[in-house]
Protein backbone atom coordinates (compact mmCIF):
# COMPACT_ATOMS: atom_id res chain seq x y z
CA UNK A 1 21.37 30.83 69.26
CA UNK A 2 21.55 32.34 72.76
CA UNK A 3 18.36 33.51 74.46
CA UNK A 4 17.92 37.22 73.65
CA UNK A 5 16.85 39.79 76.21
CA UNK A 6 13.27 39.61 77.42
CA UNK A 7 10.67 41.18 75.16
CA UNK A 8 7.97 41.17 77.82
CA UNK A 9 6.90 39.35 80.95
CA UNK A 10 3.98 37.46 79.45
CA UNK A 11 4.23 34.09 77.73
CA UNK A 12 3.50 34.40 74.01
CA UNK A 13 1.19 31.44 73.57
CA UNK A 14 -0.76 31.48 70.30
CA UNK A 15 -3.98 30.30 71.96
CA UNK A 16 -6.15 30.47 68.86
CA UNK A 17 -3.78 28.28 66.86
CA UNK A 18 -2.90 25.64 69.44
CA UNK A 19 -5.01 22.70 70.60
CA UNK A 20 -5.34 21.80 74.27
CA UNK A 21 -4.32 18.17 73.77
CA UNK A 22 -1.93 16.31 71.52
CA UNK A 23 -0.86 12.86 70.45
CA UNK A 24 2.09 11.41 72.33
CA UNK A 25 3.80 8.06 72.74
CA UNK A 26 3.77 6.94 76.36
CA UNK A 27 5.61 4.14 78.16
CA UNK A 28 2.71 2.31 79.81
CA UNK A 29 5.02 0.13 81.92
CA UNK A 30 8.63 -1.06 81.76
CA UNK A 31 9.04 -3.70 79.10
CA UNK A 32 9.42 -4.47 75.41
CA UNK A 33 8.53 -2.27 72.45
CA UNK A 34 4.86 -3.20 72.81
CA UNK A 35 4.54 -1.06 75.96
CA UNK A 36 4.79 2.07 73.79
CA UNK A 37 1.25 3.31 73.23
CA UNK A 38 -0.21 6.35 71.49
CA UNK A 39 -2.13 8.49 74.02
CA UNK A 40 -3.59 11.98 74.40
CA UNK A 41 -1.66 14.42 76.59
CA UNK A 42 -2.05 18.13 77.37
CA UNK A 43 0.00 20.43 75.16
CA UNK A 44 2.92 21.63 77.35
CA UNK A 45 3.34 25.33 78.14
CA UNK A 46 6.79 26.93 77.80
CA UNK A 47 8.19 28.62 80.92
CA UNK A 48 10.87 31.31 81.05
CA UNK A 49 13.57 30.77 78.43
CA UNK A 50 11.65 27.98 76.70
CA UNK A 51 9.91 27.58 73.36
CA UNK A 52 7.10 25.29 72.28
CA UNK A 53 7.95 23.32 69.15
CA UNK A 54 5.33 21.83 66.86
CA UNK A 55 7.15 18.59 66.13
CA UNK A 56 7.62 17.31 62.58
CA UNK A 57 10.10 14.53 63.34
CA UNK A 58 11.78 12.98 66.39
CA UNK A 59 15.01 11.02 66.64
CA UNK A 60 15.07 7.56 68.24
CA UNK A 61 18.06 6.89 70.49
CA UNK A 62 19.39 4.17 72.79
CA UNK A 63 18.49 6.15 75.94
CA UNK A 64 14.84 6.02 74.79
CA UNK A 65 15.07 2.23 74.66
CA UNK A 66 16.72 2.09 78.10
CA UNK A 67 14.01 4.36 79.53
CA UNK A 68 11.31 2.11 78.09
CA UNK A 69 12.99 -0.91 79.64
CA UNK A 70 13.03 0.80 83.04
CA UNK A 71 16.82 1.09 83.36
CA UNK A 72 17.24 4.81 82.55
CA UNK A 73 14.59 6.88 84.33
CA UNK A 74 14.17 10.54 83.37
CA UNK A 75 15.80 13.06 85.71
CA UNK A 76 13.60 14.99 88.18
CA UNK A 77 11.34 17.48 86.45
CA UNK A 78 11.73 15.95 82.98
CA UNK A 79 8.83 14.69 80.91
CA UNK A 80 8.14 10.98 81.44
CA UNK A 81 7.52 10.66 77.69
CA UNK A 82 10.44 9.35 75.59
CA UNK A 83 12.25 11.36 72.95
CA UNK A 84 15.41 13.48 73.31
CA UNK A 85 15.68 15.26 69.96
CA UNK A 86 13.16 16.79 67.57
CA UNK A 87 12.72 19.06 64.60
CA UNK A 88 9.82 21.36 63.85
CA UNK A 89 8.54 24.91 64.09
CA UNK A 90 8.47 27.24 67.11
CA UNK A 91 4.82 28.09 67.76
CA UNK A 92 4.94 29.65 71.24
CA UNK A 93 7.52 31.20 73.56
CA UNK A 94 7.97 31.65 77.27
CA UNK A 95 9.09 34.71 79.18
CA UNK A 96 12.43 36.09 78.03
CA UNK A 97 12.20 34.72 74.48
CA UNK A 98 11.14 37.30 71.85
CA UNK A 99 8.10 36.76 69.66
CA UNK A 100 10.36 37.22 66.64
CA UNK A 101 11.44 33.58 66.93
CA UNK A 102 7.87 32.36 66.31
CA UNK A 103 7.81 30.45 63.05
CA UNK A 104 11.51 29.55 63.13
CA UNK A 105 12.30 26.08 61.81
CA UNK A 106 14.57 24.42 64.34
CA UNK A 107 15.89 21.15 65.62
CA UNK A 108 16.58 20.81 69.31
CA UNK A 109 17.78 18.72 72.21
CA UNK A 110 14.90 18.16 74.64
CA UNK A 111 14.78 16.78 78.17
CA UNK A 112 12.13 14.26 77.14
CA UNK A 113 8.73 14.23 75.47
CA UNK A 114 9.96 14.31 71.88
CA UNK A 115 7.63 11.53 70.73
CA UNK A 116 4.68 13.91 70.56
CA UNK A 117 2.96 16.59 68.49
CA UNK A 118 4.43 19.34 70.70
CA UNK A 119 7.38 19.63 73.07
CA UNK A 120 9.02 22.37 75.12
CA UNK A 121 12.75 23.02 75.40
CA UNK A 122 15.06 25.92 76.25
CA UNK A 123 15.59 28.14 73.22
CA UNK A 124 19.33 27.91 73.92
CA UNK A 125 19.19 24.22 72.91
CA UNK A 126 17.76 24.94 69.46
CA UNK A 127 19.62 24.90 66.16
CA UNK A 128 18.36 26.54 62.96
CA UNK A 129 17.31 24.13 60.19
CA UNK A 130 19.00 25.43 57.04
CA UNK A 131 17.48 25.23 53.55
CA UNK A 132 18.20 21.88 51.99
CA UNK A 133 18.09 19.96 55.27
CA UNK A 134 14.91 17.92 55.70
CA UNK A 135 13.08 17.85 59.02
CA UNK A 136 13.79 14.11 59.22
CA UNK A 137 17.53 14.64 58.83
CA UNK A 138 17.45 17.61 61.22
CA UNK A 139 15.76 15.52 63.92
CA UNK A 140 18.62 13.00 63.71
CA UNK A 141 21.31 15.52 64.66
CA UNK A 142 21.01 17.23 68.08
CA UNK A 143 21.36 14.38 70.59
CA UNK A 144 24.08 12.42 68.83
CA UNK A 145 25.99 15.51 67.69
CA UNK A 146 26.04 17.00 71.19
CA UNK A 147 26.98 13.65 72.75
CA UNK A 148 29.82 12.95 70.34
CA UNK A 149 31.14 16.52 70.34
CA UNK A 150 31.28 16.72 74.12
CA UNK A 151 32.85 13.32 74.66
CA UNK A 152 35.23 13.24 71.71
CA UNK A 153 36.39 16.84 71.52
CA UNK A 154 35.86 18.13 75.07
CA UNK A 155 36.53 15.07 77.24
CA UNK A 156 38.98 13.15 75.02
CA UNK A 157 40.13 16.48 73.48
CA UNK A 158 41.06 14.91 70.15
CA UNK A 159 42.41 17.12 67.39
CA UNK A 160 43.58 16.96 63.80
CA UNK A 161 46.10 14.17 63.31
CA UNK A 162 44.80 12.04 66.21
CA UNK A 163 43.22 8.59 65.92
CA UNK A 164 40.08 7.22 67.57
CA UNK A 165 38.63 3.73 68.08
CA UNK A 166 34.84 3.89 67.87
CA UNK A 167 32.64 0.95 68.79
CA UNK A 168 29.22 0.59 67.17
CA UNK A 169 30.40 2.11 63.92
CA UNK A 170 27.01 2.05 62.18
CA UNK A 171 24.95 3.30 65.13
CA UNK A 172 23.73 6.88 65.30
CA UNK A 173 26.60 7.74 67.63
CA UNK A 174 29.10 5.82 65.51
CA UNK A 175 28.13 7.38 62.20
CA UNK A 176 28.14 10.86 63.72
CA UNK A 177 31.60 10.24 65.17
CA UNK A 178 32.83 8.98 61.80
CA UNK A 179 31.60 12.13 60.07
CA UNK A 180 33.12 14.50 62.63
CA UNK A 181 36.45 12.67 62.50
CA UNK A 182 36.48 12.89 58.71
CA UNK A 183 35.67 16.60 58.74
CA UNK A 184 38.26 17.45 61.41
CA UNK A 185 41.17 15.39 60.12
CA UNK A 186 41.05 12.55 62.66
CA UNK A 187 41.68 8.90 61.77
CA UNK A 188 38.66 6.77 62.73
CA UNK A 189 38.85 3.03 63.35
CA UNK A 190 35.40 1.53 63.92
CA UNK A 191 34.09 -1.88 64.91
CA UNK A 192 31.00 -3.40 63.31
CA UNK A 193 29.20 -6.74 63.50
CA UNK A 194 29.18 -7.70 59.82
CA UNK A 195 30.97 -7.19 56.55
CA UNK A 196 27.98 -5.24 55.25
CA UNK A 197 28.19 -2.82 58.16
CA UNK A 198 31.95 -2.48 57.73
CA UNK A 199 31.44 -1.53 54.08
CA UNK A 200 28.76 0.98 55.04
CA UNK A 201 31.03 2.52 57.68
CA UNK A 202 33.87 3.02 55.22
CA UNK A 203 31.45 4.48 52.68
CA UNK A 204 30.40 7.02 55.33
CA UNK A 205 34.04 7.97 55.82
CA UNK A 206 35.57 5.64 58.41
CA UNK A 207 39.30 5.28 57.88
CA UNK A 208 39.18 1.60 58.88
CA UNK A 209 36.38 -0.81 59.80
CA UNK A 210 36.90 -4.02 61.80
CA UNK A 211 34.41 -6.90 61.83
CA UNK A 212 34.64 -7.81 65.51
CA UNK A 213 32.92 -11.14 64.90
CA UNK A 214 35.79 -12.29 62.69
CA UNK A 215 38.81 -10.33 63.91
CA UNK A 216 40.30 -9.48 67.30
CA UNK A 217 39.92 -5.72 67.29
CA UNK A 218 42.80 -5.27 69.76
CA UNK A 219 45.27 -6.97 67.43
CA UNK A 220 43.84 -5.20 64.40
CA UNK A 221 44.18 -1.77 66.03
CA UNK A 222 47.80 -2.59 66.84
CA UNK A 223 48.38 -3.60 63.22
CA UNK A 224 46.71 -0.48 61.80
CA UNK A 225 48.62 1.86 64.11
CA UNK A 226 51.95 0.06 63.78
CA UNK A 227 51.81 -0.88 67.44
CA UNK A 228 51.42 2.72 68.63
CA UNK A 229 47.74 2.51 69.59
CA UNK A 230 45.02 5.14 69.25
CA UNK A 231 44.73 8.54 70.86
CA UNK A 232 41.25 7.85 72.24
CA UNK A 233 38.49 5.26 72.49
CA UNK A 234 34.79 6.19 72.31
CA UNK A 235 33.04 3.26 73.97
CA UNK A 236 29.36 2.42 74.35
CA UNK A 237 29.88 -1.25 75.27
CA UNK A 238 31.62 -1.29 78.64
CA UNK A 239 31.95 -4.57 80.51
CA UNK A 240 34.65 -6.88 79.18
CA UNK A 241 35.49 -4.39 76.44
CA UNK A 242 37.09 -1.95 78.89
CA UNK A 243 40.42 -3.78 79.49
CA UNK A 244 40.62 -4.59 75.78
CA UNK A 245 40.01 -0.92 74.94
CA UNK A 246 42.84 0.11 77.25
CA UNK A 247 45.15 -2.26 75.37
CA UNK A 248 44.27 -0.32 72.19
CA UNK A 249 45.30 3.04 73.62
CA UNK A 250 48.59 4.78 73.01
CA UNK A 251 50.48 6.07 76.04
CA UNK A 252 48.68 9.14 77.44
CA UNK A 253 45.52 7.91 75.68
CA UNK A 254 41.99 8.75 76.76
CA UNK A 255 39.08 6.32 77.19
CA UNK A 256 35.57 7.79 77.15
CA UNK A 257 32.56 5.71 78.25
CA UNK A 258 29.13 6.83 77.04
CA UNK A 259 27.05 3.66 77.59
CA UNK A 260 27.31 0.18 79.09
CA UNK A 261 25.44 -2.01 76.61
CA UNK A 262 27.80 -4.90 77.39
CA UNK A 263 27.83 -4.56 81.16
CA UNK A 264 28.28 -2.00 83.91
CA UNK A 265 31.31 -3.59 85.59
CA UNK A 266 34.84 -4.36 84.43
CA UNK A 267 38.11 -5.57 85.91
CA UNK A 268 41.21 -3.56 84.99
CA UNK A 269 44.90 -3.61 85.89
CA UNK A 270 45.41 -0.28 87.66
CA UNK A 271 49.22 -0.15 87.30
CA UNK A 272 48.72 -0.11 83.50
CA UNK A 273 46.80 3.15 83.86
CA UNK A 274 49.53 4.59 86.05
CA UNK A 275 52.53 3.51 84.01
CA UNK A 276 51.00 4.51 80.67
CA UNK A 277 49.33 7.67 82.02
CA UNK A 278 45.90 6.71 80.68
CA UNK A 279 42.77 8.73 81.34
CA UNK A 280 39.40 7.09 81.96
CA UNK A 281 36.41 9.38 81.76
CA UNK A 282 32.81 9.38 80.57
CA UNK A 283 29.53 11.22 80.74
CA UNK A 284 25.79 11.16 80.25
CA UNK A 285 24.03 14.14 78.70
CA UNK A 286 20.41 13.99 79.82
CA UNK A 287 21.03 14.71 83.51
CA UNK A 288 23.25 17.73 82.84
CA UNK A 289 21.89 21.20 83.61
CA UNK A 290 20.14 23.40 81.07
CA UNK A 291 23.03 25.86 81.47
CA UNK A 292 25.56 23.19 80.48
CA UNK A 293 23.49 22.04 77.50
CA UNK A 294 22.98 25.62 76.36
CA UNK A 295 26.72 26.29 76.53
CA UNK A 296 27.46 23.06 74.65
CA UNK A 297 24.90 23.95 71.97
CA UNK A 298 26.47 27.40 71.60
CA UNK A 299 29.90 25.86 71.06
CA UNK A 300 28.52 23.50 68.43
CA UNK A 301 26.73 26.35 66.67
CA UNK A 302 30.09 28.08 66.24
CA UNK A 303 32.18 25.02 65.34
CA UNK A 304 30.17 22.18 63.78
CA UNK A 305 26.84 23.73 62.78
CA UNK A 306 28.41 25.81 59.96
CA UNK A 307 29.24 22.44 58.38
CA UNK A 308 25.55 21.52 58.60
CA UNK A 309 24.60 24.82 56.97
CA UNK A 310 27.16 24.22 54.19
CA UNK A 311 25.83 20.71 53.60
CA UNK A 312 29.05 18.95 54.62
CA UNK A 313 27.65 17.43 57.82
CA UNK A 314 24.64 15.20 57.34
CA UNK A 315 23.37 12.27 59.42
CA UNK A 316 23.53 8.72 58.14
CA UNK A 317 19.86 7.74 57.96
CA UNK A 318 18.43 4.26 58.45
CA UNK A 319 14.62 4.33 58.41
CA UNK A 320 11.73 6.68 59.13
CA UNK A 321 8.64 5.34 60.96
CA UNK A 322 5.29 7.07 61.57
CA UNK A 323 4.76 8.22 65.17
CA UNK A 324 2.12 5.52 65.67
CA UNK A 325 4.77 2.88 64.84
CA UNK A 326 7.20 3.88 67.59
CA UNK A 327 7.17 0.29 68.86
CA UNK A 328 8.41 -0.95 65.47
CA UNK A 329 11.15 1.69 65.52
CA UNK A 330 12.31 0.49 68.94
CA UNK A 331 12.17 -3.14 67.82
CA UNK A 332 14.43 -2.30 64.88
CA UNK A 333 16.92 -0.56 67.12
CA UNK A 334 16.98 -3.45 69.60
CA UNK A 335 17.46 -6.00 66.81
CA UNK A 336 20.70 -4.21 65.91
CA UNK A 337 20.07 -4.37 62.16
CA UNK A 338 19.89 -0.62 61.64
CA UNK A 339 22.66 1.38 60.01
CA UNK A 340 22.41 5.04 60.87
CA UNK A 341 19.67 6.99 62.59
CA UNK A 342 16.07 5.87 63.13
CA UNK A 343 13.53 8.70 63.09
CA UNK A 344 9.81 9.05 63.82
CA UNK A 345 7.73 11.13 61.41
CA UNK A 346 5.23 13.04 63.55
CA UNK A 347 3.56 15.15 60.86
């Protein structure tokens, strides 16, 4: 969905239909879920290349929790409000975006501000919501799909026939990775914290699920792969997991870090990386440029989004909370009991 040529210099704001203020969830100070409060904020105005989305649902993600805790501040120029993915209807456009897109049902990656009645984002970061896909399900896709696609397929460059170790198998990231691996012919080995979660992961399509509380995942990966190891590791834990992850890799394997829930530092044996030709990489998505995100969205629209349109790619859903209960949604995520995506229902 690239931005078409400009249809006029003026911003197409539907003044008569839009209020001046809106409900939004604000982080009143760094802290626990209770610091999330419903407030009134001005409705944002789209600038060149942007659209204004009337939000129906918003995804809840780990970066939102980290931002609330004060450990993951928004990049310069981004909204201080939490929320990185939404679904809804385009109700206004900025310069360079044609009025013909008004009324389109979309889901989108946003720079922040998704926990609100309205949010702005570049039109290039929007995906069409096909018939049969609910707004709640649509809101659960953009952030995790873009994160997993970039890190698994572009940074670890996995392909059909490869194998991947995925930590946090029942998280939003984990379930998305499971689905993409299943659809693209990749063996997925996931770790989970309970037998119930392991069963859920295999029901969603994981090739193997390891209960890390009962089994050494390094030894189990060796057993599953016949000692060969996996092509890649998608890791959100960090810390002490890093050297153990490297032991799970096959020669020439790739390790991709996307979060550090278990610690930001690790000790590794560098000669192992040299002798086995391992690659350590990683990324964060929020701080990347709009141009990068637009290009990534365009790639996904041509590769993975047709599977969404066909109904083959759907998010694993956990629970939907009203916007006013954002604190409860964050508490559920922090407790670690969720399986799949948590979403806020805005309207």
